[in-house]
């Protein structure tokens, strides 16, 4: 018998290529393979091998990277009834359901398209998230990570994969190399996978910000995120034909107090743009709330002086630049309908 041989009573032809090569012992029984046949096929020099406990690779030789991922998910997935994993319907294409199992860590980042993570065949370990109450141990190359709540999985190459911020946090938790951590976080932002604030939230929840090398990488991440957001703001003004502002300036009352810095300012229209690049650094979010309160006080003060303040987030600049340009254009056009703003001194920041 070879791994391409249809098995009774449910043939394997309806399975995709990768899924045809990796099945659980229970799935094989459902396809008509007896325990004796399974033992015979998995003998030392046999055509099959046990990839993980009760997970069978239906060919000799090393597994591919994709097969290892499917094997780890099959090992960790919750069964629908004692001993029987979720099965595909025989009449339709195979779309496996890996109940309560989500890929995370370096494997997930590789699937998301990261270039700084190892290719799938080179991964020593595949991390899989499962609910905290599951009784399941890490074994072989499959590392089981328990979590109070599974993240909403994203389908990547037909596999359930943790979102980038969560996968980053799980990967960083195991890394002691400061250069590797910084490289991962930088690619996450520079590659457009996610915003710095989302990464910092996950690192905070994972209690990783007590590690000096992670804190250093986060500081670099926030600086990287602001630089990218500023570049997008410059591009928005240029590509959507907005009048040129003065960039990165401080506003002051003549002979009076400092009013605050803004990222762009149109003096003739008294319109300011500020990038909201806050990144919370504590579970109680006190620092984040304090920073937002500072933003709000500055905005109220400037608007009392007749200056319109538009806040833009890095995410909105990335995903809806045209809409953000329309918001700024509307504010500029509306300036003619307002009372003249107070005179302020504009200084380079």
Protein backbone atom coordinates (compact mmCIF):
# COMPACT_ATOMS: atom_id res chain seq x y z
CA UNK A 1 0.00 0.00 0.00
CA UNK A 2 1.33 3.48 -0.86
CA UNK A 3 0.13 6.86 0.31
CA UNK A 4 -1.61 7.34 -3.07
CA UNK A 5 -3.65 4.18 -2.69
CA UNK A 6 -7.38 4.91 -2.10
CA UNK A 7 -8.51 3.54 1.22
CA UNK A 8 -11.93 2.13 1.96
CA UNK A 9 -14.54 3.18 2.90
CA UNK A 10 -13.58 6.85 2.42
CA UNK A 11 -11.00 7.39 -0.35
CA UNK A 12 -8.17 9.86 0.07
CA UNK A 13 -8.54 11.33 -3.42
CA UNK A 14 -10.67 14.23 -2.17
CA UNK A 15 -7.82 15.46 0.06
CA UNK A 16 -5.38 18.11 -1.07
CA UNK A 17 -1.84 16.92 -1.70
CA UNK A 18 -0.42 18.04 1.67
CA UNK A 19 -3.38 16.75 3.65
CA UNK A 20 -3.25 13.43 1.85
CA UNK A 21 0.28 12.96 3.17
CA UNK A 22 -0.39 13.83 6.84
CA UNK A 23 -3.32 12.29 8.73
CA UNK A 24 -4.10 11.29 12.28
CA UNK A 25 -4.42 7.66 13.26
CA UNK A 26 -8.14 8.28 13.87
CA UNK A 27 -8.56 9.71 10.38
CA UNK A 28 -6.81 6.71 8.89
CA UNK A 29 -9.14 4.40 10.81
CA UNK A 30 -12.06 6.36 9.34
CA UNK A 31 -10.56 5.63 5.91
CA UNK A 32 -10.52 1.92 6.66
CA UNK A 33 -6.96 1.39 7.89
CA UNK A 34 -6.90 -1.10 10.75
CA UNK A 35 -4.56 -0.83 13.72
CA UNK A 36 -2.61 -3.81 12.38
CA UNK A 37 -2.24 -2.22 8.95
CA UNK A 38 -1.13 1.04 10.52
CA UNK A 39 1.53 -0.72 12.61
CA UNK A 40 2.74 -2.57 9.52
CA UNK A 41 2.98 0.61 7.44
CA UNK A 42 4.86 2.41 10.24
CA UNK A 43 7.47 -0.27 10.84
CA UNK A 44 11.08 0.91 10.95
CA UNK A 45 11.67 0.47 7.21
CA UNK A 46 8.03 0.96 6.22
CA UNK A 47 6.52 3.52 3.84
CA UNK A 48 4.85 5.54 6.62
CA UNK A 49 6.17 7.10 9.82
CA UNK A 50 4.79 8.66 12.99
CA UNK A 51 5.50 12.38 12.66
CA UNK A 52 4.08 13.23 16.11
CA UNK A 53 2.04 11.10 18.53
CA UNK A 54 -0.94 9.74 16.55
CA UNK A 55 -0.01 11.89 13.53
CA UNK A 56 1.16 9.86 10.56
CA UNK A 57 3.29 10.96 7.62
CA UNK A 58 2.30 8.82 4.65
CA UNK A 59 5.69 8.64 2.96
CA UNK A 60 9.27 7.82 3.92
CA UNK A 61 11.94 10.48 4.25
CA UNK A 62 11.82 13.88 5.91
CA UNK A 63 8.58 15.90 5.95
CA UNK A 64 8.26 19.14 4.04
CA UNK A 65 7.76 22.41 5.89
CA UNK A 66 4.07 22.41 5.00
CA UNK A 67 3.66 18.84 6.23
CA UNK A 68 5.23 19.75 9.56
CA UNK A 69 2.76 22.61 9.99
CA UNK A 70 -0.22 20.38 9.23
CA UNK A 71 1.19 17.75 11.56
CA UNK A 72 1.53 20.21 14.45
CA UNK A 73 -2.02 21.44 13.93
CA UNK A 74 -3.39 17.89 13.73
CA UNK A 75 -1.60 17.04 16.96
CA UNK A 76 -2.90 20.11 18.80
CA UNK A 77 -6.43 20.38 17.36
CA UNK A 78 -9.36 19.51 19.60
CA UNK A 79 -11.26 16.42 18.56
CA UNK A 80 -15.00 16.60 18.00
CA UNK A 81 -15.64 13.37 19.89
CA UNK A 82 -13.39 10.93 21.73
CA UNK A 83 -10.56 9.92 19.45
CA UNK A 84 -12.05 11.27 16.20
CA UNK A 85 -10.77 14.58 14.80
CA UNK A 86 -12.90 16.80 12.62
CA UNK A 87 -13.32 15.10 9.25
CA UNK A 88 -13.90 16.57 5.79
CA UNK A 89 -16.95 15.64 3.80
CA UNK A 90 -16.28 12.96 1.24
CA UNK A 91 -18.25 14.81 -1.44
CA UNK A 92 -16.39 18.12 -1.37
CA UNK A 93 -12.87 19.51 -1.34
CA UNK A 94 -10.88 19.00 1.83
CA UNK A 95 -10.95 22.09 4.03
CA UNK A 96 -9.61 20.87 7.36
CA UNK A 97 -10.91 22.47 10.53
CA UNK A 98 -8.25 22.64 13.20
CA UNK A 99 -10.49 23.28 16.19
CA UNK A 100 -8.84 25.28 18.99
CA UNK A 101 -5.38 25.32 17.40
CA UNK A 102 -3.65 28.36 15.87
CA UNK A 103 -0.11 28.63 14.51
CA UNK A 104 1.99 31.37 16.10
CA UNK A 105 5.61 32.42 16.64
CA UNK A 106 8.23 32.19 13.91
CA UNK A 107 6.21 29.74 11.79
CA UNK A 108 3.29 32.17 11.70
CA UNK A 109 5.57 35.08 10.80
CA UNK A 110 7.10 33.08 7.96
CA UNK A 111 3.61 32.35 6.65
CA UNK A 112 2.78 36.07 6.89
CA UNK A 113 5.69 36.70 4.51
CA UNK A 114 8.49 37.81 6.83
CA UNK A 115 11.93 37.59 5.23
CA UNK A 116 13.88 37.73 8.52
CA UNK A 117 12.42 34.46 9.84
CA UNK A 118 13.71 31.01 8.85
CA UNK A 119 12.01 29.19 5.95
CA UNK A 120 9.49 26.60 7.07
CA UNK A 121 11.72 23.52 6.53
CA UNK A 122 14.47 25.12 8.66
CA UNK A 123 12.30 25.74 11.73
CA UNK A 124 13.36 23.61 14.68
CA UNK A 125 10.00 24.13 16.35
CA UNK A 126 6.43 24.96 15.36
CA UNK A 127 4.44 26.88 17.98
CA UNK A 128 0.71 26.22 18.30
CA UNK A 129 -1.70 28.14 20.52
CA UNK A 130 -4.41 26.21 22.34
CA UNK A 131 -6.88 27.22 25.08
CA UNK A 132 -5.42 27.21 28.57
CA UNK A 133 -7.73 24.44 29.81
CA UNK A 134 -6.49 21.94 27.20
CA UNK A 135 -4.42 19.05 28.59
CA UNK A 136 -1.77 18.77 25.93
CA UNK A 137 2.01 18.63 26.17
CA UNK A 138 4.67 19.84 23.79
CA UNK A 139 6.34 17.00 21.96
CA UNK A 140 8.82 16.57 19.16
CA UNK A 141 8.96 19.73 17.08
CA UNK A 142 5.47 20.87 18.17
CA UNK A 143 5.47 23.34 21.05
CA UNK A 144 2.10 23.89 22.68
CA UNK A 145 1.42 27.38 24.07
CA UNK A 146 -1.64 27.77 26.30
CA UNK A 147 -3.54 31.04 26.25
CA UNK A 148 -6.61 32.31 28.13
CA UNK A 149 -8.23 33.29 24.82
CA UNK A 150 -7.26 32.24 21.32
CA UNK A 151 -6.69 35.16 18.95
CA UNK A 152 -8.93 35.47 15.92
CA UNK A 153 -7.02 33.36 13.43
CA UNK A 154 -6.22 34.57 9.93
CA UNK A 155 -6.30 32.04 7.10
CA UNK A 156 -2.88 31.93 5.41
CA UNK A 157 -2.27 29.20 2.83
CA UNK A 158 -5.35 27.45 4.23
CA UNK A 159 -3.94 27.34 7.77
CA UNK A 160 -5.15 29.12 10.93
CA UNK A 161 -2.45 31.67 11.78
CA UNK A 162 -2.21 34.17 14.63
CA UNK A 163 -2.23 37.88 13.63
CA UNK A 164 1.22 39.41 13.24
CA UNK A 165 1.30 41.29 16.60
CA UNK A 166 0.45 38.13 18.56
CA UNK A 167 2.84 35.97 16.54
CA UNK A 168 5.57 38.55 17.15
CA UNK A 169 4.99 38.51 20.90
CA UNK A 170 5.15 34.71 21.02
CA UNK A 171 8.34 34.70 18.94
CA UNK A 172 10.01 37.46 20.96
CA UNK A 173 9.22 35.63 24.21
CA UNK A 174 11.71 32.93 23.18
CA UNK A 175 14.42 35.18 21.72
CA UNK A 176 17.37 36.45 23.74
CA UNK A 177 19.21 37.94 20.77
CA UNK A 178 18.61 41.71 20.79
CA UNK A 179 19.54 42.02 17.10
CA UNK A 180 17.03 39.32 16.11
CA UNK A 181 14.26 40.95 18.16
CA UNK A 182 14.91 44.37 16.64
CA UNK A 183 15.02 42.88 13.15
CA UNK A 184 11.64 41.23 13.58
CA UNK A 185 9.93 44.31 15.01
CA UNK A 186 11.43 46.55 12.35
CA UNK A 187 10.23 44.31 9.53
CA UNK A 188 6.75 44.19 11.06
CA UNK A 189 6.43 47.98 10.73
CA UNK A 190 8.58 48.66 7.68
CA UNK A 191 6.91 45.82 5.78
CA UNK A 192 3.46 47.22 6.51
CA UNK A 193 2.35 44.15 8.47
CA UNK A 194 1.05 46.14 11.47
CA UNK A 195 1.37 49.38 13.39
CA UNK A 196 3.78 49.86 16.33
CA UNK A 197 0.95 50.42 18.83
CA UNK A 198 -0.52 46.97 18.09
CA UNK A 199 2.87 45.32 18.63
CA UNK A 200 3.49 47.17 21.89
CA UNK A 201 0.06 46.19 23.21
CA UNK A 202 0.81 42.50 22.61
CA UNK A 203 4.29 42.77 24.13
CA UNK A 204 2.76 44.51 27.16
CA UNK A 205 0.10 41.82 27.61
CA UNK A 206 2.82 39.17 27.36
CA UNK A 207 4.79 41.04 30.10
CA UNK A 208 7.87 41.27 27.89
CA UNK A 209 8.65 44.94 28.44
CA UNK A 210 10.65 44.15 31.57
CA UNK A 211 13.40 42.74 29.36
CA UNK A 212 15.98 45.41 28.46
CA UNK A 213 16.68 44.07 24.96
CA UNK A 214 12.93 44.11 24.18
CA UNK A 215 12.54 47.66 25.52
CA UNK A 216 15.43 48.81 23.33
CA UNK A 217 13.84 47.16 20.30
CA UNK A 218 10.48 48.78 21.09
CA UNK A 219 12.09 52.23 21.30
CA UNK A 220 13.59 51.65 17.86
CA UNK A 221 10.21 50.32 16.64
CA UNK A 222 8.37 53.47 17.75
CA UNK A 223 10.97 55.68 16.09
CA UNK A 224 10.72 53.58 12.93
CA UNK A 225 6.92 53.82 12.97
CA UNK A 226 6.97 57.60 13.34
CA UNK A 227 9.48 57.97 10.51
CA UNK A 228 7.34 55.84 8.20
CA UNK A 229 4.18 57.76 9.17
CA UNK A 230 5.93 61.07 8.48
CA UNK A 231 7.02 59.83 5.05
CA UNK A 232 3.40 58.86 4.29
CA UNK A 233 2.21 62.29 5.41
CA UNK A 234 4.70 63.97 3.05
CA UNK A 235 3.53 61.70 0.24
CA UNK A 236 -0.13 62.41 0.95
CA UNK A 237 0.40 66.17 0.64
CA UNK A 238 2.39 65.73 -2.58
CA UNK A 239 0.26 63.08 -4.32
CA UNK A 240 -3.13 64.62 -3.55
CA UNK A 241 -2.19 68.18 -4.46
CA UNK A 242 -2.53 69.79 -1.04
CA UNK A 243 -0.83 73.16 -0.57
CA UNK A 244 2.61 72.84 0.97
CA UNK A 245 2.62 73.33 4.77
CA UNK A 246 5.51 74.14 7.05
CA UNK A 247 6.76 70.88 8.52
CA UNK A 248 7.56 69.89 12.12
CA UNK A 249 7.13 73.21 13.85
CA UNK A 250 6.45 74.55 17.34
CA UNK A 251 3.66 77.07 17.89
CA UNK A 252 3.91 79.88 20.45
CA UNK A 253 1.95 82.96 21.35
CA UNK A 254 3.97 86.14 20.79
CA UNK A 255 5.88 86.66 24.01
CA UNK A 256 3.73 83.97 25.57
CA UNK A 257 3.76 80.26 26.37
CA UNK A 258 4.65 77.33 24.17
CA UNK A 259 1.47 75.91 22.56
CA UNK A 260 2.93 72.62 21.37
CA UNK A 261 4.52 71.03 18.35
CA UNK A 262 2.69 69.86 15.23
CA UNK A 263 3.79 67.77 12.27
CA UNK A 264 2.40 70.09 9.60
CA UNK A 265 0.95 73.61 9.72
CA UNK A 266 -0.74 75.85 7.16
CA UNK A 267 -0.35 79.39 8.57
CA UNK A 268 -2.70 81.09 6.10
CA UNK A 269 -5.53 78.70 6.92
CA UNK A 270 -4.58 78.10 10.59
CA UNK A 271 -4.80 74.32 10.14
CA UNK A 272 -2.45 71.91 11.91
CA UNK A 273 -1.91 68.16 11.44
CA UNK A 274 -0.54 65.95 14.17
CA UNK A 275 0.33 62.28 13.88
CA UNK A 276 -1.12 60.17 16.68
CA UNK A 277 1.68 57.64 17.19
CA UNK A 278 0.91 56.75 20.78
CA UNK A 279 2.08 53.32 21.87
CA UNK A 280 0.88 52.21 25.33
CA UNK A 281 3.64 50.80 27.51
CA UNK A 282 1.74 49.57 30.59
CA UNK A 283 -1.19 47.27 31.28
CA UNK A 284 -3.15 49.96 33.12
CA UNK A 285 -2.59 52.33 30.18
CA UNK A 286 -2.00 55.23 32.56
CA UNK A 287 0.82 56.59 30.40
CA UNK A 288 -1.34 56.26 27.29
CA UNK A 289 -4.24 58.06 28.97
CA UNK A 290 -1.91 60.79 30.20
CA UNK A 291 -0.50 61.29 26.72
CA UNK A 292 -3.98 61.44 25.20
CA UNK A 293 -5.00 63.98 27.84
CA UNK A 294 -2.00 66.07 26.82
CA UNK A 295 -3.09 65.81 23.17
CA UNK A 296 -6.64 66.84 24.12
CA UNK A 297 -5.47 69.84 26.18
CA UNK A 298 -3.25 71.04 23.37
CA UNK A 299 -6.04 70.62 20.82
CA UNK A 300 -8.53 72.53 22.98
CA UNK A 301 -6.04 75.35 23.54
CA UNK A 302 -5.22 75.65 19.84
CA UNK A 303 -8.87 75.52 18.79
CA UNK A 304 -9.74 78.26 21.28
CA UNK A 305 -7.23 80.35 19.37
CA UNK A 306 -9.01 79.53 16.11
CA UNK A 307 -6.55 76.86 14.89
CA UNK A 308 -8.06 73.65 13.50
CA UNK A 309 -6.17 70.51 14.55
CA UNK A 310 -6.48 67.32 12.48
CA UNK A 311 -5.19 64.10 14.06
CA UNK A 312 -4.10 61.33 11.68
CA UNK A 313 -3.05 57.83 12.72
CA UNK A 314 -0.30 55.85 10.94
CA UNK A 315 -2.83 53.13 10.18
CA UNK A 316 -5.25 55.50 8.46
CA UNK A 317 -2.42 56.98 6.42
CA UNK A 318 -1.48 53.47 5.34
CA UNK A 319 -4.93 52.13 4.58
CA UNK A 320 -6.95 55.18 3.50
CA UNK A 321 -4.57 57.94 2.45
CA UNK A 322 -7.04 59.45 -0.04
CA UNK A 323 -9.70 59.81 2.65
CA UNK A 324 -7.24 61.44 5.03
CA UNK A 325 -6.21 63.88 2.30
CA UNK A 326 -9.89 64.77 1.86
CA UNK A 327 -10.20 65.44 5.60
CA UNK A 328 -7.26 67.83 5.51
CA UNK A 329 -8.49 69.51 2.30
CA UNK A 330 -11.92 70.05 3.88
CA UNK A 331 -10.33 71.68 6.92
CA UNK A 332 -8.28 73.98 4.68
CA UNK A 333 -11.31 74.96 2.60
CA UNK A 334 -13.43 75.63 5.70
CA UNK A 335 -10.91 78.11 7.05
CA UNK A 336 -12.50 80.91 5.02
CA UNK A 337 -15.78 80.48 6.90
CA UNK A 338 -14.19 80.86 10.34
CA UNK A 339 -13.24 83.92 12.29
CA UNK A 340 -9.55 84.81 11.87
CA UNK A 341 -7.28 82.83 14.15
CA UNK A 342 -5.04 84.43 16.74
CA UNK A 343 -1.55 85.25 15.57
CA UNK A 344 0.97 82.63 16.60
CA UNK A 345 4.72 82.42 16.19
CA UNK A 346 5.90 79.43 14.11
CA UNK A 347 9.34 78.05 15.02
CA UNK A 348 11.26 75.04 13.68
CA UNK A 349 11.06 72.02 15.96
